[in-house]
Amino acid sequence: MRTTQTLLGAQAIQAIRRGVNAIYEPVRRTFGCAGKNALLFRTMNRGNRIVNDGVTVAECIEPRDKFVRQAAQTFKEACKKTNEKVGDATTATVILGGKLFNEIYKKIDDTQSLLGSGGLGTMELKKRILEEAKNVKTEIKKSAKKIKTLEELEKVSIVSVEDEKIGKIVAKMVWDVGVDGYIDVVEGYKGGIETEVIKGMRFPAKVPAKAFVNNPARFEMGVVDCPIIITNHSMDNVGDFAGSFNEINKNTSKLVVVAPAFSENVLVNFVKAAEKGFFIFPVQAPSLRTEQFIDLAIYCEAEFIDKNKGKKMRNITVDDLGNIEKITVKDTSAKEDAVIIGGQGTKKIEIDKENIKLKKTKVEEHIEILKGQLEETKLIQFKRFFERRIASMASAVGIIRVGASTDAQSLYEKLKIEDAVYACKAALRGGYVKGGGLCLKEIAEKLEDGNIIKETLLAPYNQIQSSVDGGIDIGEDIIDPAEAIYYAVEHSTQVVANLITCDILVAEEEDPIPESGNFAIAKMFQEFMLSDKINKGQLKEGEREMYIDSLGGMNEYEYEITNRDG
């Protein structure tokens, strides 16, 4: 069992303040059009990074003192939550939280009471902060305007990415794929920004053998207007499905089969079947999870032949087949996803012939279910997984490849573009408000003097003004996603409201770092050996001077006196 150390009262409050400011002070300097960049140490097998993304900077900061580090980690949660929710406004979250905490800290005495308040405690203050934050969030929603044109979306993107050309590229892609579409920002290798929008369901798959590549010029297999089978059975034994395939062949001369794996024997039999007029197109999808197979089956309106539910390939019939307008699958050596266009599940079905009413498609119904599951999901990696599934089902997937002459520039642009993508999608969902801190500034100006969060709401605007000599005029083109500002207020106030109630810090005792002791011992032995060599006159040319230099600038005369005196 590990032991702990505890700080109480003023010492605990001071450690919390240091932890908050360890994040607040560097991150706030990155804010706005004239925000500074941070040079971060090598992490995640990457070289040193130059960024001005708030959450990225915050994540890299780990104070040495265990109590200060504990407070910093707690404070960081605010911008991490904003990042998870909207992917933008993480720096604004830190600025609001840091300003609020420091304003409250000035008013708290050593007994956790507010100075000049007749002993009013921080628990009451916590309630006031959360109440005022709730009112501010209501005002943000009231002032939000819906995005109606691509030009409005471009304004959001340009503010986020801080580059007009790239901002327009990002906005156009988000506009094309829509709110439900997924945009993947990846590294490029051509030294610039490349974009691609895929209309159709996209999933990781490949052609299992070159014999089935029917478009060698593009290294791909393409099939149009074809029935499809989807299964998570590995196609190893011809006997498992030969009978059912022969029955299917009576109704169609071609068939697409999506499965995790195909044996060489099975592929040979597919080639032989083609010689007899039955063309079977294998699509190998080894990395698909069961949920993704189900998504694919719904898109194609096929019966998923699930081995986990005891369904056998020998029992399939024509009724289990789905239908697609087109599928394109790349050769096994190409690392690109397969794309299906026009799955039967995307067709609307008439349910009331008299009134000619149309219900949602199977795909639309499934997307609604996935959206509900997304809302309930807390972990960021699972949220991204659901977003990809929804985007794939929605027939809208975009790719932005970011390339530059150096890794530092490539990563910098990649992070900015990711922020812009999330900002645009948030604006499409919840509308936009005045940017550059103006939205919160105008709300603050309506509050009475002495309001507990009035100065806090002015902080983003003031930070931007202080970063530019003589200030800056923020025009109508500067707009922010309403959701981003809403969650920046929500998460910053919630974290701070809880932090200010703490005057007890309990941290685990840390084990001594082995390397530090080993280094000290090694250095001692090195000095002993060098000293012995000096006394015996065994040093090589230059070694004596190097050793003296290592002793903190001591000259040779001082060394001789010190060495002589022992």
Protein backbone atom coordinates (compact mmCIF):
# COMPACT_ATOMS: atom_id res chain seq x y z
CA MET A 1 0.00 0.00 0.00
CA ARG A 2 1.35 3.40 -0.95
CA THR A 3 1.65 6.17 1.62
CA THR A 4 0.34 9.71 1.15
CA GLN A 5 1.14 13.31 2.02
CA THR A 6 -1.43 15.97 2.91
CA LEU A 7 -1.61 19.75 2.61
CA LEU A 8 -4.22 21.75 4.54
CA GLY A 9 -5.64 25.27 4.50
CA ALA A 10 -3.56 28.04 3.00
CA GLN A 11 -0.85 25.62 1.80
CA ALA A 12 -3.41 23.55 -0.11
CA ILE A 13 -5.05 26.64 -1.65
CA GLN A 14 -1.63 27.96 -2.70
CA ALA A 15 -0.73 24.63 -4.36
CA ILE A 16 -4.04 24.62 -6.24
CA ARG A 17 -3.43 28.19 -7.44
CA ARG A 18 0.03 27.21 -8.69
CA GLY A 19 -1.45 24.20 -10.49
CA VAL A 20 -4.15 26.27 -12.19
CA ASN A 21 -1.67 28.93 -13.29
CA ALA A 22 0.80 26.31 -14.54
CA ILE A 23 -1.79 25.65 -17.25
CA TYR A 24 -3.47 29.07 -17.50
CA GLU A 25 -0.41 31.27 -18.02
CA PRO A 26 1.16 29.45 -21.00
CA VAL A 27 -2.12 28.45 -22.67
CA ARG A 28 -3.72 31.92 -22.59
CA ARG A 29 -0.78 33.35 -24.54
CA THR A 30 -1.72 31.19 -27.55
CA PHE A 31 -5.16 32.81 -27.89
CA GLY A 32 -6.40 34.90 -30.80
CA CYS A 33 -5.06 36.05 -34.15
CA ALA A 34 -1.81 37.27 -32.57
CA GLY A 35 -1.47 34.36 -30.15
CA LYS A 36 2.00 32.96 -29.57
CA ASN A 37 3.15 29.42 -30.36
CA ALA A 38 4.52 26.84 -27.94
CA LEU A 39 7.51 24.61 -28.67
CA LEU A 40 6.70 21.27 -27.06
CA PHE A 41 9.04 18.44 -26.19
CA ARG A 42 9.17 15.19 -28.15
CA THR A 43 6.09 13.08 -27.42
CA MET A 44 4.23 10.14 -28.97
CA ASN A 45 7.26 9.15 -31.07
CA ARG A 46 7.20 12.53 -32.80
CA GLY A 47 9.81 15.23 -32.88
CA ASN A 48 9.53 18.53 -31.04
CA ARG A 49 6.27 20.25 -31.97
CA ILE A 50 5.31 23.88 -32.54
CA VAL A 51 1.61 24.42 -31.82
CA ASN A 52 -0.85 26.96 -30.46
CA ASP A 53 -3.67 24.49 -29.80
CA GLY A 54 -4.81 25.01 -26.22
CA VAL A 55 -5.56 21.44 -25.23
CA THR A 56 -2.34 20.14 -26.83
CA VAL A 57 -0.23 22.63 -24.88
CA ALA A 58 -2.12 21.87 -21.66
CA GLU A 59 -1.72 18.11 -22.07
CA CYS A 60 2.07 18.46 -22.25
CA ILE A 61 2.40 20.38 -18.98
CA GLU A 62 3.13 18.21 -15.92
CA PRO A 63 4.51 20.19 -12.93
CA ARG A 64 7.17 18.44 -10.83
CA ASP A 65 5.57 19.07 -7.43
CA LYS A 66 2.98 16.32 -6.83
CA PHE A 67 0.41 18.63 -5.21
CA VAL A 68 0.70 21.26 -7.93
CA ARG A 69 0.55 18.54 -10.58
CA GLN A 70 -2.62 17.11 -9.04
CA ALA A 71 -4.32 20.52 -9.19
CA ALA A 72 -3.11 21.11 -12.76
CA GLN A 73 -4.51 17.77 -13.91
CA THR A 74 -7.87 18.59 -12.38
CA PHE A 75 -7.94 22.02 -14.02
CA LYS A 76 -6.97 20.51 -17.40
CA GLU A 77 -10.15 18.47 -17.36
CA ALA A 78 -12.14 21.57 -18.33
CA CYS A 79 -10.47 22.03 -21.72
CA LYS A 80 -10.32 18.28 -22.32
CA LYS A 81 -14.10 18.06 -21.87
CA THR A 82 -14.64 20.96 -24.26
CA ASN A 83 -12.37 19.24 -26.77
CA GLU A 84 -14.37 16.03 -26.46
CA LYS A 85 -17.66 17.86 -26.87
CA VAL A 86 -16.93 20.26 -29.74
CA GLY A 87 -13.23 19.91 -30.62
CA ASP A 88 -12.70 23.68 -30.40
CA ALA A 89 -12.57 26.57 -27.86
CA THR A 90 -10.16 24.72 -25.57
CA THR A 91 -7.98 27.80 -25.10
CA ALA A 92 -11.05 29.92 -24.33
CA THR A 93 -12.02 27.35 -21.71
CA VAL A 94 -8.63 27.68 -20.00
CA ILE A 95 -8.77 31.49 -20.12
CA LEU A 96 -12.24 31.60 -18.57
CA GLY A 97 -11.31 29.06 -15.89
CA GLY A 98 -7.95 30.62 -15.05
CA LYS A 99 -9.38 34.13 -14.81
CA LEU A 100 -12.30 32.98 -12.65
CA PHE A 101 -10.10 31.03 -10.25
CA ASN A 102 -7.63 33.89 -9.79
CA GLU A 103 -10.43 36.40 -9.21
CA ILE A 104 -11.90 34.15 -6.52
CA TYR A 105 -8.47 33.40 -5.03
CA LYS A 106 -7.93 37.10 -4.32
CA LYS A 107 -11.08 37.11 -2.18
CA ILE A 108 -10.47 33.97 -0.11
CA ASP A 109 -8.71 34.09 3.24
CA ASP A 110 -6.93 31.22 4.99
CA THR A 111 -10.17 29.92 6.51
CA GLN A 112 -11.88 29.46 3.15
CA SER A 113 -14.16 32.45 3.84
CA LEU A 114 -14.60 35.41 1.51
CA LEU A 115 -12.84 38.55 2.66
CA GLY A 116 -15.26 41.31 3.60
CA SER A 117 -18.30 39.06 3.27
CA GLY A 118 -19.03 38.41 6.90
CA GLY A 119 -17.73 34.85 6.71
CA LEU A 120 -19.53 33.82 3.50
CA GLY A 121 -18.05 30.42 2.53
CA THR A 122 -16.90 28.98 -0.77
CA MET A 123 -19.76 26.47 -0.93
CA GLU A 124 -22.19 29.36 -1.27
CA LEU A 125 -19.86 30.93 -3.81
CA LYS A 126 -19.88 27.70 -5.81
CA LYS A 127 -23.67 27.87 -6.07
CA ARG A 128 -23.54 31.48 -7.25
CA ILE A 129 -20.97 30.67 -9.94
CA LEU A 130 -23.02 27.80 -11.33
CA GLU A 131 -26.24 29.85 -11.24
CA GLU A 132 -24.63 32.75 -13.12
CA ALA A 133 -23.04 30.36 -15.61
CA LYS A 134 -26.46 28.87 -16.31
CA ASN A 135 -27.81 32.36 -17.09
CA VAL A 136 -24.87 33.09 -19.39
CA LYS A 137 -25.41 29.83 -21.31
CA THR A 138 -29.05 30.78 -21.81
CA GLU A 139 -27.96 34.14 -23.25
CA ILE A 140 -25.50 32.43 -25.60
CA LYS A 141 -28.28 30.25 -26.98
CA LYS A 142 -30.54 33.28 -27.44
CA SER A 143 -27.92 35.19 -29.41
CA ALA A 144 -27.00 32.23 -31.68
CA LYS A 145 -27.83 32.56 -35.38
CA LYS A 146 -28.28 29.62 -37.73
CA ILE A 147 -25.73 29.00 -40.49
CA LYS A 148 -27.61 29.52 -43.76
CA THR A 149 -24.87 29.90 -46.38
CA LEU A 150 -21.45 28.53 -47.22
CA GLU A 151 -20.06 32.06 -46.85
CA GLU A 152 -21.13 32.16 -43.20
CA LEU A 153 -19.49 28.78 -42.58
CA GLU A 154 -16.30 30.04 -44.24
CA LYS A 155 -16.12 32.86 -41.68
CA VAL A 156 -16.18 30.32 -38.83
CA SER A 157 -13.51 28.20 -40.48
CA ILE A 158 -11.18 31.10 -41.32
CA VAL A 159 -11.28 32.39 -37.73
CA SER A 160 -10.42 28.92 -36.42
CA VAL A 161 -7.65 27.97 -38.87
CA GLU A 162 -6.27 31.53 -39.22
CA ASP A 163 -5.78 31.14 -42.98
CA GLU A 164 -8.32 32.30 -45.57
CA LYS A 165 -7.42 29.79 -48.30
CA ILE A 166 -7.34 26.75 -46.01
CA GLY A 167 -10.40 28.01 -44.14
CA LYS A 168 -12.45 28.02 -47.34
CA ILE A 169 -11.27 24.52 -48.23
CA VAL A 170 -12.31 23.17 -44.83
CA ALA A 171 -15.68 24.97 -44.87
CA LYS A 172 -16.51 23.64 -48.35
CA MET A 173 -15.78 20.08 -47.28
CA VAL A 174 -17.87 20.35 -44.10
CA TRP A 175 -20.66 21.94 -46.12
CA ASP A 176 -20.54 19.04 -48.62
CA VAL A 177 -20.50 16.18 -46.11
CA GLY A 178 -22.93 17.81 -43.67
CA VAL A 179 -23.28 17.49 -39.90
CA ASP A 180 -23.45 13.69 -40.00
CA GLY A 181 -20.48 13.36 -42.33
CA TYR A 182 -17.06 12.40 -41.02
CA ILE A 183 -13.90 14.21 -42.05
CA ASP A 184 -10.57 12.55 -41.47
CA VAL A 185 -7.53 14.85 -41.25
CA VAL A 186 -4.41 12.85 -42.09
CA GLU A 187 -0.80 13.48 -43.04
CA GLY A 188 -0.13 14.10 -46.71
CA TYR A 189 3.02 13.61 -48.73
CA LYS A 190 2.73 16.09 -51.60
CA GLY A 191 3.69 19.21 -49.69
CA GLY A 192 0.26 20.83 -49.70
CA ILE A 193 -3.42 20.45 -48.80
CA GLU A 194 -5.34 17.73 -50.66
CA THR A 195 -9.03 16.99 -50.25
CA GLU A 196 -11.35 14.18 -51.24
CA VAL A 197 -15.08 13.70 -50.64
CA ILE A 198 -16.45 10.19 -51.04
CA LYS A 199 -20.15 9.85 -51.71
CA GLY A 200 -21.09 6.37 -50.61
CA MET A 201 -20.45 4.00 -47.72
CA ARG A 202 -16.76 3.60 -47.03
CA PHE A 203 -15.19 0.72 -45.11
CA PRO A 204 -11.72 -0.88 -44.83
CA ALA A 205 -11.44 -3.78 -47.29
CA LYS A 206 -9.33 -5.09 -50.16
CA VAL A 207 -9.37 -7.46 -53.12
CA PRO A 208 -7.93 -10.74 -51.79
CA ALA A 209 -6.25 -11.74 -55.09
CA LYS A 210 -5.12 -9.93 -58.22
CA ALA A 211 -7.19 -12.32 -60.38
CA PHE A 212 -10.29 -10.34 -59.40
CA VAL A 213 -8.89 -6.90 -60.29
CA ASN A 214 -10.98 -6.00 -63.35
CA ASN A 215 -9.70 -2.44 -63.69
CA PRO A 216 -5.90 -2.85 -63.66
CA ALA A 217 -5.30 0.75 -64.76
CA ARG A 218 -6.69 1.89 -61.38
CA PHE A 219 -5.64 -1.21 -59.41
CA GLU A 220 -9.22 -1.93 -58.41
CA MET A 221 -12.19 -4.24 -58.69
CA GLY A 222 -15.44 -2.57 -59.69
CA VAL A 223 -18.93 -4.09 -59.83
CA VAL A 224 -22.22 -2.40 -60.76
CA ASP A 225 -25.87 -3.33 -60.08
CA CYS A 226 -25.16 -6.46 -58.13
CA PRO A 227 -26.58 -8.48 -55.20
CA ILE A 228 -24.36 -8.79 -52.14
CA ILE A 229 -23.77 -11.21 -49.26
CA ILE A 230 -22.32 -9.94 -45.97
CA THR A 231 -20.91 -12.35 -43.39
CA ASN A 232 -18.29 -12.58 -40.64
CA HIS A 233 -17.64 -16.25 -41.51
CA SER A 234 -14.17 -16.87 -42.91
CA MET A 235 -14.62 -18.42 -46.37
CA ASP A 236 -12.31 -21.40 -45.90
CA ASN A 237 -14.27 -24.41 -47.11
CA VAL A 238 -16.12 -24.56 -50.43
CA GLY A 239 -18.43 -27.24 -49.06
CA ASP A 240 -19.85 -24.78 -46.52
CA PHE A 241 -21.59 -22.68 -49.18
CA ALA A 242 -21.46 -24.50 -52.53
CA GLY A 243 -25.09 -25.67 -52.37
CA SER A 244 -26.53 -22.30 -51.40
CA PHE A 245 -24.43 -20.47 -54.02
CA ASN A 246 -25.71 -22.84 -56.72
CA GLU A 247 -29.28 -21.93 -55.74
CA ILE A 248 -28.45 -18.21 -55.81
CA ASN A 249 -26.91 -18.65 -59.27
CA LYS A 250 -30.37 -19.57 -60.59
CA ASN A 251 -31.47 -15.95 -59.95
CA THR A 252 -28.31 -13.97 -60.71
CA SER A 253 -25.13 -14.31 -62.73
CA LYS A 254 -23.00 -12.24 -60.38
CA LEU A 255 -22.56 -11.83 -56.64
CA VAL A 256 -20.43 -9.73 -54.27
CA VAL A 257 -19.28 -11.52 -51.10
CA VAL A 258 -17.94 -9.51 -48.14
CA ALA A 259 -16.14 -11.65 -45.54
CA PRO A 260 -13.12 -11.42 -43.20
CA ALA A 261 -11.00 -13.94 -45.14
CA PHE A 262 -10.94 -16.21 -48.19
CA SER A 263 -8.80 -19.34 -48.51
CA GLU A 264 -6.78 -19.94 -51.68
CA ASN A 265 -8.95 -22.95 -52.50
CA VAL A 266 -12.13 -20.85 -52.28
CA LEU A 267 -10.67 -18.16 -54.53
CA VAL A 268 -9.67 -20.78 -57.11
CA ASN A 269 -13.25 -22.08 -57.12
CA PHE A 270 -14.56 -18.52 -57.61
CA VAL A 271 -12.36 -18.23 -60.71
CA LYS A 272 -13.67 -21.57 -62.02
CA ALA A 273 -17.27 -20.43 -61.39
CA ALA A 274 -16.62 -17.35 -63.56
CA GLU A 275 -15.56 -19.64 -66.41
CA LYS A 276 -19.06 -21.16 -66.21
CA GLY A 277 -20.79 -17.77 -66.21
CA PHE A 278 -21.23 -17.16 -62.45
CA PHE A 279 -19.11 -14.19 -61.46
CA ILE A 280 -18.34 -14.01 -57.73
CA PHE A 281 -16.47 -10.92 -56.48
CA PRO A 282 -14.73 -11.45 -53.11
CA VAL A 283 -14.23 -8.46 -50.79
CA GLN A 284 -11.90 -9.16 -47.86
CA ALA A 285 -12.62 -7.08 -44.73
CA PRO A 286 -10.51 -8.57 -41.90
CA SER A 287 -10.62 -5.52 -39.61
CA LEU A 288 -14.39 -4.95 -39.53
CA ARG A 289 -16.04 -5.32 -36.15
CA THR A 290 -19.44 -6.96 -35.80
CA GLU A 291 -21.11 -3.54 -35.46
CA GLN A 292 -19.57 -2.41 -38.75
CA PHE A 293 -20.73 -5.56 -40.54
CA ILE A 294 -24.24 -4.78 -39.27
CA ASP A 295 -23.95 -1.18 -40.56
CA LEU A 296 -22.88 -2.49 -43.94
CA ALA A 297 -25.74 -5.00 -44.06
CA ILE A 298 -28.30 -2.28 -43.23
CA TYR A 299 -26.86 0.01 -45.91
CA CYS A 300 -27.23 -2.77 -48.50
CA GLU A 301 -30.47 -4.09 -46.92
CA ALA A 302 -28.92 -7.54 -46.66
CA GLU A 303 -29.34 -10.18 -43.96
CA PHE A 304 -26.11 -10.26 -41.95
CA ILE A 305 -24.90 -13.88 -41.81
CA ASP A 306 -23.53 -13.71 -38.28
CA LYS A 307 -21.53 -16.70 -37.09
CA ASN A 308 -21.97 -15.51 -33.49
CA LYS A 309 -25.71 -16.13 -33.80
CA GLY A 310 -25.31 -19.57 -35.35
CA LYS A 311 -26.20 -18.58 -38.91
CA LYS A 312 -24.65 -20.91 -41.49
CA MET A 313 -23.51 -20.15 -45.01
CA ARG A 314 -25.09 -23.36 -46.25
CA ASN A 315 -28.54 -22.03 -45.28
CA ILE A 316 -28.52 -18.68 -47.09
CA THR A 317 -31.08 -17.94 -49.79
CA VAL A 318 -31.86 -15.19 -52.27
CA ASP A 319 -33.87 -13.45 -49.56
CA ASP A 320 -30.65 -12.89 -47.56
CA LEU A 321 -29.05 -10.87 -50.35
CA GLY A 322 -28.78 -7.10 -50.39
CA ASN A 323 -28.43 -4.92 -53.48
CA ILE A 324 -25.99 -2.17 -54.44
CA GLU A 325 -25.58 0.15 -57.41
CA LYS A 326 -21.79 0.04 -57.36
CA ILE A 327 -18.83 -1.15 -55.30
CA THR A 328 -15.18 -0.22 -55.78
CA VAL A 329 -12.45 -2.13 -53.96
CA LYS A 330 -8.73 -1.45 -54.25
CA ASP A 331 -6.04 -4.04 -54.91
CA THR A 332 -4.54 -5.69 -51.81
CA SER A 333 -1.37 -3.57 -52.08
CA ALA A 334 -3.29 -0.27 -51.97
CA LYS A 335 -4.14 1.12 -48.53
CA GLU A 336 -7.49 2.67 -49.46
CA ASP A 337 -11.01 1.85 -48.30
CA ALA A 338 -13.73 0.18 -50.33
CA VAL A 339 -16.72 2.31 -51.32
CA ILE A 340 -20.31 1.21 -51.92
CA ILE A 341 -22.77 3.53 -53.66
CA GLY A 342 -26.55 3.19 -53.75
CA GLY A 343 -27.20 0.47 -51.21
CA GLN A 344 -30.82 -0.75 -51.10
CA GLY A 345 -31.05 0.49 -47.50
CA THR A 346 -30.82 4.10 -48.73
CA LYS A 347 -34.09 3.84 -50.70
CA LYS A 348 -37.21 5.37 -49.18
CA ILE A 349 -40.19 3.01 -48.82
CA GLU A 350 -43.84 3.98 -49.34
CA ILE A 351 -45.90 3.04 -46.29
CA ASP A 352 -49.22 4.77 -46.96
CA LYS A 353 -50.28 4.36 -50.58
CA GLU A 354 -53.44 6.45 -50.17
CA ASN A 355 -51.67 9.53 -48.77
CA ILE A 356 -48.36 8.69 -50.46
CA LYS A 357 -46.36 9.13 -47.27
CA LEU A 358 -42.72 8.10 -47.16
CA LYS A 359 -41.00 6.80 -44.08
CA LYS A 360 -37.33 7.14 -43.27
CA THR A 361 -34.94 4.78 -44.99
CA LYS A 362 -33.41 1.87 -43.10
CA VAL A 363 -30.16 3.79 -43.06
CA GLU A 364 -31.78 6.93 -41.59
CA GLU A 365 -33.44 4.88 -38.86
CA HIS A 366 -30.13 3.24 -37.98
CA ILE A 367 -28.33 6.59 -37.91
CA GLU A 368 -30.84 7.86 -35.33
CA ILE A 369 -30.01 4.86 -33.13
CA LEU A 370 -26.27 5.46 -33.51
CA LYS A 371 -26.70 9.15 -32.62
CA GLY A 372 -28.44 8.14 -29.40
CA GLN A 373 -25.60 5.78 -28.55
CA LEU A 374 -23.09 8.52 -29.36
CA GLU A 375 -24.75 10.86 -26.85
CA GLU A 376 -24.45 8.21 -24.13
CA THR A 377 -20.79 7.46 -24.89
CA LYS A 378 -18.24 9.16 -22.64
CA LEU A 379 -14.82 7.95 -23.86
CA ILE A 380 -13.41 10.02 -26.71
CA GLN A 381 -12.09 7.03 -28.69
CA PHE A 382 -15.54 5.42 -28.74
CA LYS A 383 -17.15 8.73 -29.70
CA ARG A 384 -14.85 8.92 -32.73
CA PHE A 385 -15.78 5.33 -33.62
CA PHE A 386 -19.49 6.18 -33.55
CA GLU A 387 -18.88 9.33 -35.59
CA ARG A 388 -17.13 7.29 -38.29
CA ARG A 389 -19.96 4.78 -38.36
CA ILE A 390 -22.58 7.52 -38.67
CA ALA A 391 -20.60 9.29 -41.39
CA SER A 392 -20.12 6.07 -43.32
CA MET A 393 -23.85 5.28 -43.13
CA ALA A 394 -24.71 8.85 -44.13
CA SER A 395 -22.83 8.39 -47.42
CA ALA A 396 -20.50 11.29 -46.72
CA VAL A 397 -16.84 10.85 -45.86
CA GLY A 398 -14.21 13.49 -46.43
CA ILE A 399 -10.43 13.31 -46.29
CA ILE A 400 -8.06 16.24 -45.85
CA ARG A 401 -4.41 15.35 -46.41
CA VAL A 402 -2.02 17.85 -44.87
CA GLY A 403 1.50 18.03 -46.23
CA ALA A 404 4.32 20.52 -45.72
CA SER A 405 8.06 20.76 -46.25
CA THR A 406 8.73 20.10 -42.54
CA ASP A 407 7.06 17.92 -39.91
CA ALA A 408 6.74 20.96 -37.63
CA GLN A 409 4.66 22.88 -40.18
CA SER A 410 2.63 19.80 -41.14
CA LEU A 411 1.61 19.05 -37.56
CA TYR A 412 0.87 22.72 -36.85
CA GLU A 413 -1.50 22.93 -39.85
CA LYS A 414 -3.04 19.53 -39.07
CA LEU A 415 -4.07 20.62 -35.56
CA LYS A 416 -5.46 23.93 -36.85
CA ILE A 417 -7.46 22.16 -39.57
CA GLU A 418 -8.86 19.65 -37.06
CA ASP A 419 -10.04 22.58 -34.91
CA ALA A 420 -11.61 24.24 -37.95
CA VAL A 421 -13.46 21.05 -38.91
CA TYR A 422 -14.96 20.72 -35.43
CA ALA A 423 -15.77 24.44 -35.30
CA CYS A 424 -17.65 24.25 -38.60
CA LYS A 425 -19.63 21.18 -37.57
CA ALA A 426 -20.50 22.81 -34.24
CA ALA A 427 -21.67 25.93 -36.09
CA LEU A 428 -23.87 23.84 -38.39
CA ARG A 429 -25.44 22.17 -35.36
CA GLY A 430 -25.92 25.10 -33.00
CA GLY A 431 -25.38 28.26 -35.03
CA TYR A 432 -22.85 31.03 -34.48
CA VAL A 433 -22.28 34.06 -32.25
CA LYS A 434 -20.03 37.11 -32.43
CA GLY A 435 -16.38 36.03 -32.19
CA GLY A 436 -13.21 37.43 -30.69
CA GLY A 437 -14.74 37.38 -27.22
CA LEU A 438 -17.47 39.86 -28.22
CA CYS A 439 -20.36 37.52 -27.43
CA LEU A 440 -19.27 37.08 -23.80
CA LYS A 441 -18.24 40.74 -23.54
CA GLU A 442 -21.72 41.92 -24.52
CA ILE A 443 -23.29 39.53 -22.01
CA ALA A 444 -20.90 40.78 -19.30
CA GLU A 445 -21.76 44.41 -19.98
CA LYS A 446 -25.39 43.68 -19.10
CA LEU A 447 -24.41 42.33 -15.68
CA GLU A 448 -24.20 44.45 -12.56
CA ASP A 449 -20.84 45.50 -11.18
CA GLY A 450 -19.65 42.98 -8.65
CA ASN A 451 -21.27 40.04 -10.42
CA ILE A 452 -19.18 36.97 -9.59
CA ILE A 453 -18.31 36.11 -13.22
CA LYS A 454 -18.46 39.52 -14.93
CA GLU A 455 -14.67 39.99 -15.10
CA THR A 456 -14.27 36.38 -16.22
CA LEU A 457 -16.52 36.86 -19.23
CA LEU A 458 -14.39 39.81 -20.36
CA ALA A 459 -11.17 37.77 -20.22
CA PRO A 460 -11.16 36.30 -23.79
CA TYR A 461 -11.77 39.74 -25.36
CA ASN A 462 -9.17 41.40 -23.14
CA GLN A 463 -6.62 38.67 -23.89
CA ILE A 464 -6.95 39.29 -27.63
CA GLN A 465 -6.64 43.05 -27.18
CA SER A 466 -3.55 42.74 -24.97
CA SER A 467 -1.77 40.56 -27.55
CA VAL A 468 -1.83 43.33 -30.17
CA ASP A 469 -0.18 46.72 -29.66
CA GLY A 470 -2.92 49.34 -29.63
CA GLY A 471 -5.65 46.70 -29.65
CA ILE A 472 -7.62 45.35 -32.59
CA ASP A 473 -11.00 46.12 -34.12
CA ILE A 474 -13.06 42.92 -34.26
CA GLY A 475 -15.34 43.07 -37.31
CA GLU A 476 -18.56 41.28 -38.23
CA ASP A 477 -16.66 38.60 -40.14
CA ILE A 478 -15.23 37.26 -36.86
CA ILE A 479 -17.73 34.68 -35.62
CA ASP A 480 -17.54 31.62 -33.37
CA PRO A 481 -19.64 28.46 -33.07
CA ALA A 482 -22.25 29.01 -30.36
CA GLU A 483 -21.71 25.48 -29.02
CA ALA A 484 -17.98 26.10 -28.53
CA ILE A 485 -18.59 29.22 -26.40
CA TYR A 486 -21.44 27.51 -24.54
CA TYR A 487 -19.29 24.55 -23.47
CA ALA A 488 -16.27 26.74 -22.74
CA VAL A 489 -18.41 28.54 -20.15
CA GLU A 490 -19.95 25.33 -18.83
CA HIS A 491 -16.78 23.32 -18.32
CA SER A 492 -14.59 26.16 -17.03
CA THR A 493 -17.09 27.28 -14.41
CA GLN A 494 -17.86 23.75 -13.24
CA VAL A 495 -14.22 22.81 -12.68
CA VAL A 496 -13.39 26.08 -10.92
CA ALA A 497 -16.56 26.02 -8.82
CA ASN A 498 -15.38 22.72 -7.38
CA LEU A 499 -11.69 23.61 -7.07
CA ILE A 500 -12.37 26.69 -4.93
CA THR A 501 -14.08 24.53 -2.29
CA CYS A 502 -10.90 22.51 -1.66
CA ASP A 503 -8.50 23.27 1.17
CA ILE A 504 -7.30 19.68 1.63
CA LEU A 505 -4.88 18.08 -0.82
CA VAL A 506 -3.93 14.42 -0.49
CA ALA A 507 -1.26 13.07 -2.83
CA GLU A 508 0.56 9.75 -3.05
CA GLU A 509 4.16 9.60 -1.93
CA GLU A 510 6.44 9.34 -4.92
CA ASP A 511 9.23 6.80 -5.16
CA PRO A 512 12.67 8.28 -5.71
CA ILE A 513 13.73 8.30 -9.34
CA PRO A 514 16.36 5.55 -9.72
CA GLU A 515 18.14 7.35 -12.53
CA SER A 516 18.95 10.37 -10.37
CA GLY A 517 20.76 8.25 -7.76
CA ASN A 518 22.58 6.19 -10.37
CA PHE A 519 23.67 9.35 -12.14
CA ALA A 520 25.08 10.82 -8.91
CA ILE A 521 27.04 7.62 -8.17
CA ALA A 522 28.40 7.45 -11.72
CA LYS A 523 29.46 11.09 -11.56
CA MET A 524 31.26 10.50 -8.26
CA PHE A 525 33.22 7.56 -9.71
CA GLN A 526 34.09 9.59 -12.79
CA GLU A 527 35.43 12.46 -10.71
CA PHE A 528 37.46 10.07 -8.54
CA MET A 529 39.05 8.41 -11.59
CA LEU A 530 39.85 11.73 -13.25
CA SER A 531 41.34 13.13 -10.06
CA ASP A 532 43.48 10.03 -9.65
CA LYS A 533 44.70 10.31 -13.25
CA ILE A 534 45.56 13.98 -12.76
CA ASN A 535 47.62 13.19 -9.67
CA LYS A 536 49.46 10.42 -11.53
CA GLY A 537 49.93 12.51 -14.68
CA GLN A 538 48.03 10.01 -16.83
CA LEU A 539 45.56 12.36 -18.53
CA LYS A 540 45.61 12.71 -22.30
CA GLU A 541 46.09 16.11 -23.92
CA GLY A 542 43.04 18.29 -23.37
CA GLU A 543 41.36 16.03 -20.79
CA ARG A 544 42.67 18.11 -17.88
CA GLU A 545 41.21 21.33 -19.30
CA MET A 546 37.88 19.63 -20.05
CA TYR A 547 37.64 18.37 -16.49
CA ILE A 548 38.47 21.78 -15.02
CA ASP A 549 35.80 23.37 -17.27
CA SER A 550 33.23 20.89 -15.96
CA LEU A 551 33.79 22.22 -12.43
CA GLY A 552 31.67 25.30 -13.01
CA GLY A 553 34.13 27.70 -14.61
CA MET A 554 37.04 27.19 -12.15
CA ASN A 555 40.34 28.30 -13.71
CA GLU A 556 43.53 26.24 -13.55
CA TYR A 557 45.07 28.27 -10.70
CA GLU A 558 41.90 27.87 -8.59
CA TYR A 559 41.92 24.16 -9.35
CA GLU A 560 45.54 23.79 -8.23
CA ILE A 561 44.84 25.60 -4.94
CA THR A 562 41.70 23.52 -4.31
CA ASN A 563 43.41 20.26 -5.18
CA ARG A 564 46.43 21.09 -3.01
CA ASP A 565 44.24 21.99 -0.04
CA GLY A 566 42.43 18.65 -0.34
